Amino acid sequence: MTSEIDLLRQENARLMVENAEFKAKYDEAKDEITKLRAELKSRIEELEKARIDTVAENTRRDVENVRRDAENAELKSRVAKLEEDSRHPRKDSSPEKSADIPDSIVANEVISVNSKSSEEKMMDSFLDEVNKKIVSDGIRQRKRVEKLAKVESISPEKGKQVSVDKKTLRKKEQREKFIQEVSRNDSIPSVSSQRESDSSTNCSNIIDEPGSNSLDVCLEQTVRSCDPLAVEMGTPTFSLLYEKLCDAVILADRAVQEAIIRYCQFGKALIQRRSEIASEKQVDPESNANRAGQETLEAF
């Protein structure tokens, strides 16, 4: 009986020690939990504050984006209107009036520019410069097109007719002078002289006739009447040399006319291509190289 009581006392003492240890561990865990709860609460408060700030910032940015979208839409519509006006200008409007359009826009926007930020001011100034360039480029392009249209309004047939009239008179004088010199200096018998005088008379009659081939017929008759034997034998006399000279002059005239037409076509294509590049990439078409090329084309 006594031994059982002793055993129970020992077991009770051991359990009390363990209980004390568990109680100490419980107190430590409780303190740790309290500390963690405090940290978690502070972290939650910080996150909630950051969320509120983020919502406010997002709201402010949304309002700013809406305002900028409205401004961009207004500027795009204004640029589109200016481009339309530059492409289809009114007939009663002068270049000076068209060039004043961007200035009036800038004057209207100066009133509200003080209330805007520096970034918006830079954007407005950039768009104003773009508008000025678009309008000025449209005016210069229209002037060039009108000038080129005036050059191209003369058809090749009319140009040839005007040039043929001048060249006909000039060649007529030169050939008559040449025939007179030949008749004075040539030592061909009287039969050739008679043929030459007859050819001169016929040549004068043929030249007075309309048509572009009359001068060639007159030249052929004159050359063959001067020295028919030399022409048949192939001797390089003055008549054969003069015939070759006339052929060379005709070929040179045709080459010059063709070159002028080519230059006009190239100039028109160059102006169109330059305007396309300027409208697509907003490149300044009035650089020094482009000005030099344009002056060259205008000279031609």
Protein backbone atom coordinates (compact mmCIF):
# COMPACT_ATOMS: atom_id res chain seq x y z
CA MET A 1 0.00 0.00 0.00
CA THR A 2 2.80 2.34 0.93
CA SER A 3 4.68 1.55 -2.24
CA GLU A 4 1.68 2.40 -4.36
CA ILE A 5 1.31 5.78 -2.69
CA ASP A 6 4.97 6.53 -3.31
CA LEU A 7 4.61 5.61 -6.94
CA LEU A 8 1.59 7.86 -7.28
CA ARG A 9 3.45 10.73 -5.66
CA GLN A 10 6.37 10.31 -8.04
CA GLU A 11 4.00 10.20 -11.02
CA ASN A 12 2.23 13.31 -9.76
CA ALA A 13 5.52 15.16 -9.42
CA ARG A 14 6.57 14.17 -12.93
CA LEU A 15 3.23 15.30 -14.34
CA MET A 16 3.48 18.62 -12.53
CA VAL A 17 6.94 19.20 -14.07
CA GLU A 18 5.63 18.40 -17.51
CA ASN A 19 2.64 20.66 -16.93
CA ALA A 20 4.96 23.50 -15.99
CA GLU A 21 7.01 22.93 -19.15
CA PHE A 22 3.88 22.88 -21.31
CA LYS A 23 2.64 26.04 -19.63
CA ALA A 24 5.92 27.82 -20.41
CA LYS A 25 5.78 26.70 -24.02
CA TYR A 26 2.15 27.82 -24.21
CA ASP A 27 3.08 31.26 -22.95
CA GLU A 28 5.87 31.53 -25.54
CA ALA A 29 3.55 30.43 -28.33
CA LYS A 30 0.90 32.87 -27.18
CA ASP A 31 3.40 35.73 -27.24
CA GLU A 32 4.56 34.69 -30.71
CA ILE A 33 0.98 34.55 -31.97
CA THR A 34 0.26 37.99 -30.55
CA LYS A 35 3.35 39.39 -32.22
CA LEU A 36 2.47 37.79 -35.56
CA ARG A 37 -1.08 39.10 -35.35
CA ALA A 38 0.21 42.63 -34.77
CA GLU A 39 2.57 42.38 -37.74
CA LEU A 40 -0.17 40.94 -39.94
CA LYS A 41 -2.56 43.69 -38.95
CA SER A 42 0.00 46.40 -39.76
CA ARG A 43 0.75 44.73 -43.09
CA ILE A 44 -2.94 44.57 -43.93
CA GLU A 45 -3.30 48.26 -43.09
CA GLU A 46 -0.36 49.13 -45.36
CA LEU A 47 -1.79 47.07 -48.22
CA GLU A 48 -5.18 48.66 -47.81
CA LYS A 49 -3.63 52.11 -47.88
CA ALA A 50 -1.61 51.21 -50.99
CA ARG A 51 -4.76 49.87 -52.63
CA ILE A 52 -6.62 53.09 -51.94
CA ASP A 53 -3.71 55.12 -53.34
CA THR A 54 -3.59 52.89 -56.42
CA VAL A 55 -7.30 53.26 -57.03
CA ALA A 56 -7.01 57.03 -56.72
CA GLU A 57 -4.01 57.09 -59.09
CA ASN A 58 -5.81 54.87 -61.61
CA THR A 59 -8.85 57.12 -61.46
CA ARG A 60 -6.71 60.18 -62.03
CA ARG A 61 -4.93 58.51 -64.96
CA ASP A 62 -8.24 57.43 -66.46
CA VAL A 63 -9.48 61.00 -66.32
CA GLU A 64 -6.20 62.23 -67.84
CA ASN A 65 -6.37 59.61 -70.60
CA VAL A 66 -9.94 60.57 -71.44
CA ARG A 67 -8.95 64.23 -71.63
CA ARG A 68 -5.92 63.45 -73.81
CA ASP A 69 -8.00 61.21 -76.07
CA ALA A 70 -10.45 64.05 -76.55
CA GLU A 71 -7.61 66.46 -77.34
CA ASN A 72 -6.02 63.98 -79.76
CA ALA A 73 -9.34 63.45 -81.53
CA GLU A 74 -9.79 67.20 -81.85
CA LEU A 75 -6.25 67.66 -83.17
CA LYS A 76 -6.66 64.79 -85.64
CA SER A 77 -9.88 66.28 -86.96
CA ARG A 78 -8.16 69.66 -87.26
CA VAL A 79 -5.18 68.15 -89.12
CA ALA A 80 -7.53 66.21 -91.41
CA LYS A 81 -9.44 69.40 -92.15
CA LEU A 82 -6.22 71.28 -92.91
CA GLU A 83 -5.03 68.47 -95.18
CA GLU A 84 -8.37 68.50 -96.99
CA ASP A 85 -8.16 72.28 -97.40
CA SER A 86 -4.59 72.01 -98.70
CA ARG A 87 -5.54 69.29 -101.19
CA HIS A 88 -8.69 71.03 -102.42
CA PRO A 89 -8.05 74.77 -102.06
CA ARG A 90 -10.71 77.27 -102.97
CA LYS A 91 -10.19 79.11 -106.23
CA ASP A 92 -10.83 82.52 -104.67
CA SER A 93 -8.33 81.97 -101.86
CA SER A 94 -4.79 83.28 -102.30
CA PRO A 95 -1.62 81.56 -101.02
CA GLU A 96 -1.16 84.27 -98.41
CA LYS A 97 -4.61 83.60 -96.92
CA SER A 98 -4.01 79.86 -96.88
CA ALA A 99 -0.66 80.33 -95.18
CA ASP A 100 -2.32 82.37 -92.37
CA ILE A 101 -4.53 79.45 -91.28
CA PRO A 102 -2.02 77.93 -88.82
CA ASP A 103 -1.27 81.37 -87.34
CA SER A 104 -4.94 81.92 -86.51
CA ILE A 105 -5.13 78.48 -84.92
CA VAL A 106 -2.06 79.24 -82.82
CA ALA A 107 -3.57 82.58 -81.77
CA ASN A 108 -6.78 80.87 -80.63
CA GLU A 109 -4.87 78.28 -78.62
CA VAL A 110 -2.59 80.79 -76.86
CA ILE A 111 -5.45 81.71 -74.49
CA SER A 112 -5.65 78.25 -72.91
CA VAL A 113 -1.98 77.30 -73.21
CA ASN A 114 -1.05 78.83 -69.83
CA SER A 115 -3.23 76.33 -67.96
CA LYS A 116 -1.60 73.30 -69.61
CA SER A 117 1.46 71.38 -68.59
CA SER A 118 4.85 71.65 -70.29
CA GLU A 119 4.34 68.31 -72.04
CA GLU A 120 1.04 69.47 -73.51
CA LYS A 121 2.62 72.73 -74.61
CA MET A 122 5.37 70.84 -76.42
CA MET A 123 2.77 68.60 -78.08
CA ASP A 124 0.71 71.60 -79.18
CA SER A 125 3.74 73.40 -80.59
CA PHE A 126 4.80 70.26 -82.46
CA LEU A 127 1.35 69.81 -83.98
CA ASP A 128 1.27 73.49 -84.95
CA GLU A 129 4.59 73.11 -86.74
CA VAL A 130 3.24 70.02 -88.53
CA ASN A 131 0.15 71.96 -89.60
CA LYS A 132 2.27 74.81 -90.90
CA LYS A 133 4.46 72.44 -92.89
CA ILE A 134 1.44 70.62 -94.33
CA VAL A 135 -0.21 73.85 -95.47
CA SER A 136 3.00 75.36 -96.87
CA ASP A 137 3.85 72.10 -98.63
CA GLY A 138 0.37 71.99 -100.12
CA ILE A 139 0.74 75.55 -101.42
CA ARG A 140 4.17 74.88 -102.92
CA GLN A 141 2.96 71.60 -104.40
CA ARG A 142 -0.04 73.33 -105.98
CA LYS A 143 2.21 76.00 -107.49
CA ARG A 144 4.54 73.37 -108.92
CA VAL A 145 1.64 71.36 -110.32
CA GLU A 146 0.20 74.48 -111.94
CA LYS A 147 3.58 75.37 -113.42
CA LEU A 148 4.10 71.83 -114.67
CA ALA A 149 0.55 71.77 -116.04
CA LYS A 150 1.28 74.94 -118.00
CA VAL A 151 4.38 73.31 -119.46
CA GLU A 152 2.52 70.10 -120.29
CA SER A 153 -0.56 71.92 -121.63
CA ILE A 154 1.34 72.41 -124.87
CA SER A 155 0.95 69.10 -126.67
CA PRO A 156 3.89 67.58 -128.58
CA GLU A 157 2.15 68.34 -131.87
CA LYS A 158 1.76 72.03 -131.05
CA GLY A 159 5.32 72.25 -129.80
CA LYS A 160 6.58 70.58 -132.93
CA GLN A 161 4.48 72.91 -135.08
CA VAL A 162 5.87 76.03 -133.39
CA SER A 163 9.44 74.72 -133.53
CA VAL A 164 8.98 73.60 -137.15
CA ASP A 165 7.81 77.08 -138.17
CA LYS A 166 10.90 78.71 -136.64
CA LYS A 167 13.26 76.05 -137.92
CA THR A 168 11.64 76.18 -141.35
CA LEU A 169 12.35 79.88 -141.68
CA ARG A 170 15.89 79.48 -140.36
CA LYS A 171 16.68 76.50 -142.60
CA LYS A 172 15.12 78.25 -145.58
CA GLU A 173 17.45 81.22 -145.13
CA GLN A 174 20.48 78.99 -144.56
CA ARG A 175 19.80 76.83 -147.59
CA GLU A 176 19.11 79.75 -149.88
CA LYS A 177 22.35 81.35 -148.73
CA PHE A 178 24.19 78.07 -149.26
CA ILE A 179 22.69 77.67 -152.76
CA GLN A 180 23.74 81.20 -153.68
CA GLU A 181 27.31 80.54 -152.51
CA VAL A 182 27.38 77.27 -154.44
CA SER A 183 26.15 78.95 -157.59
CA ARG A 184 28.93 81.56 -157.29
CA ASN A 185 31.84 79.26 -156.37
CA ASP A 186 31.08 75.98 -158.13
CA SER A 187 32.97 75.30 -161.38
CA ILE A 188 30.36 72.92 -162.88
CA PRO A 189 29.38 73.44 -166.56
CA SER A 190 26.51 75.64 -167.62
CA VAL A 191 24.13 72.68 -167.71
CA SER A 192 24.64 72.15 -163.98
CA SER A 193 24.21 75.87 -163.37
CA GLN A 194 20.96 75.80 -165.30
CA ARG A 195 19.83 72.80 -163.27
CA GLU A 196 20.82 74.57 -160.10
CA SER A 197 18.84 77.70 -160.96
CA ASP A 198 15.84 75.56 -161.87
CA SER A 199 16.25 73.67 -158.62
CA SER A 200 16.40 76.94 -156.69
CA THR A 201 13.16 78.07 -158.30
CA ASN A 202 11.50 74.74 -157.58
CA CYS A 203 12.86 74.79 -154.05
CA SER A 204 11.33 78.20 -153.39
CA ASN A 205 7.99 76.94 -154.64
CA ILE A 206 8.19 73.77 -152.56
CA ILE A 207 9.13 75.60 -149.38
CA ASP A 208 6.05 77.82 -149.67
CA GLU A 209 3.86 74.69 -149.66
CA PRO A 210 2.49 73.50 -146.28
CA GLY A 211 3.93 70.40 -144.67
CA SER A 212 7.07 69.39 -142.80
CA ASN A 213 8.61 67.35 -145.69
CA SER A 214 8.85 70.24 -148.20
CA LEU A 215 12.27 71.33 -146.91
CA ASP A 216 13.66 67.81 -147.20
CA VAL A 217 12.38 67.54 -150.80
CA CYS A 218 13.92 70.91 -151.64
CA LEU A 219 17.25 69.89 -150.12
CA GLU A 220 17.27 66.60 -152.02
CA GLN A 221 16.56 68.33 -155.34
CA THR A 222 19.21 70.96 -154.67
CA VAL A 223 21.90 68.44 -153.73
CA ARG A 224 21.24 66.15 -156.68
CA SER A 225 21.11 69.05 -159.14
CA CYS A 226 24.48 70.37 -157.97
CA ASP A 227 26.67 67.40 -158.89
CA PRO A 228 24.75 64.29 -160.02
CA LEU A 229 27.88 62.53 -161.29
CA ALA A 230 29.63 62.88 -157.97
CA VAL A 231 26.62 61.55 -156.11
CA GLU A 232 26.33 58.53 -158.42
CA MET A 233 30.06 57.76 -158.13
CA GLY A 234 30.07 58.20 -154.36
CA THR A 235 32.69 60.98 -154.42
CA PRO A 236 32.66 62.92 -151.11
CA THR A 237 31.88 66.32 -152.66
CA PHE A 238 30.30 69.27 -150.90
CA SER A 239 26.80 68.15 -151.95
CA LEU A 240 27.11 64.74 -150.29
CA LEU A 241 28.72 66.23 -147.20
CA TYR A 242 25.97 68.81 -146.93
CA GLU A 243 23.34 66.10 -147.18
CA LYS A 244 24.99 64.21 -144.30
CA LEU A 245 25.17 67.44 -142.33
CA CYS A 246 21.44 68.05 -142.78
CA ASP A 247 20.65 64.49 -141.67
CA ALA A 248 22.77 65.00 -138.56
CA VAL A 249 20.96 68.28 -137.78
CA ILE A 250 17.56 66.59 -138.09
CA LEU A 251 18.61 63.75 -135.79
CA ALA A 252 19.97 66.25 -133.26
CA ASP A 253 16.71 68.24 -133.28
CA ARG A 254 14.68 65.10 -132.67
CA ALA A 255 17.00 64.05 -129.85
CA VAL A 256 16.67 67.46 -128.19
CA GLN A 257 12.86 67.34 -128.41
CA GLU A 258 12.77 63.83 -126.98
CA ALA A 259 15.13 64.86 -124.16
CA ILE A 260 12.88 67.81 -123.26
CA ILE A 261 9.83 65.53 -123.08
CA ARG A 262 11.77 63.05 -120.94
CA TYR A 263 12.85 65.81 -118.56
CA CYS A 264 9.25 67.00 -118.19
CA GLN A 265 7.99 63.48 -117.45
CA PHE A 266 10.81 62.87 -114.97
CA GLY A 267 10.12 66.18 -113.22
CA LYS A 268 6.44 65.36 -112.80
CA ALA A 269 7.21 61.88 -111.43
CA LEU A 270 9.84 63.31 -109.07
CA ILE A 271 7.43 65.91 -107.66
CA GLN A 272 4.70 63.31 -107.12
CA ARG A 273 7.08 60.88 -105.41
CA ARG A 274 8.51 63.61 -103.18
CA SER A 275 5.01 64.69 -102.08
CA GLU A 276 4.11 61.07 -101.28
CA ILE A 277 7.21 60.64 -99.11
CA ALA A 278 6.55 63.96 -97.35
CA SER A 279 2.94 63.01 -96.56
CA GLU A 280 3.76 59.46 -95.41
CA LYS A 281 6.89 60.02 -93.30
CA GLN A 282 6.53 63.75 -92.59
CA VAL A 283 9.93 64.43 -94.12
CA ASP A 284 10.88 67.99 -94.92
CA PRO A 285 10.70 68.11 -98.76
CA GLU A 286 12.46 71.50 -98.89
CA SER A 287 16.00 70.39 -98.05
CA ASN A 288 18.99 71.84 -99.87
CA ALA A 289 19.33 68.83 -102.15
CA ASN A 290 15.64 68.86 -103.01
CA ARG A 291 15.77 72.60 -103.68
CA ALA A 292 18.72 72.12 -106.01
CA GLY A 293 16.92 69.33 -107.87
CA GLN A 294 13.76 71.41 -108.13
CA GLU A 295 15.66 74.42 -109.48
CA THR A 296 17.26 72.16 -112.08
CA LEU A 297 13.89 70.80 -113.14
CA GLU A 298 12.41 74.31 -113.34
CA ALA A 299 15.36 75.40 -115.46
CA PHE A 300 14.60 72.61 -117.93
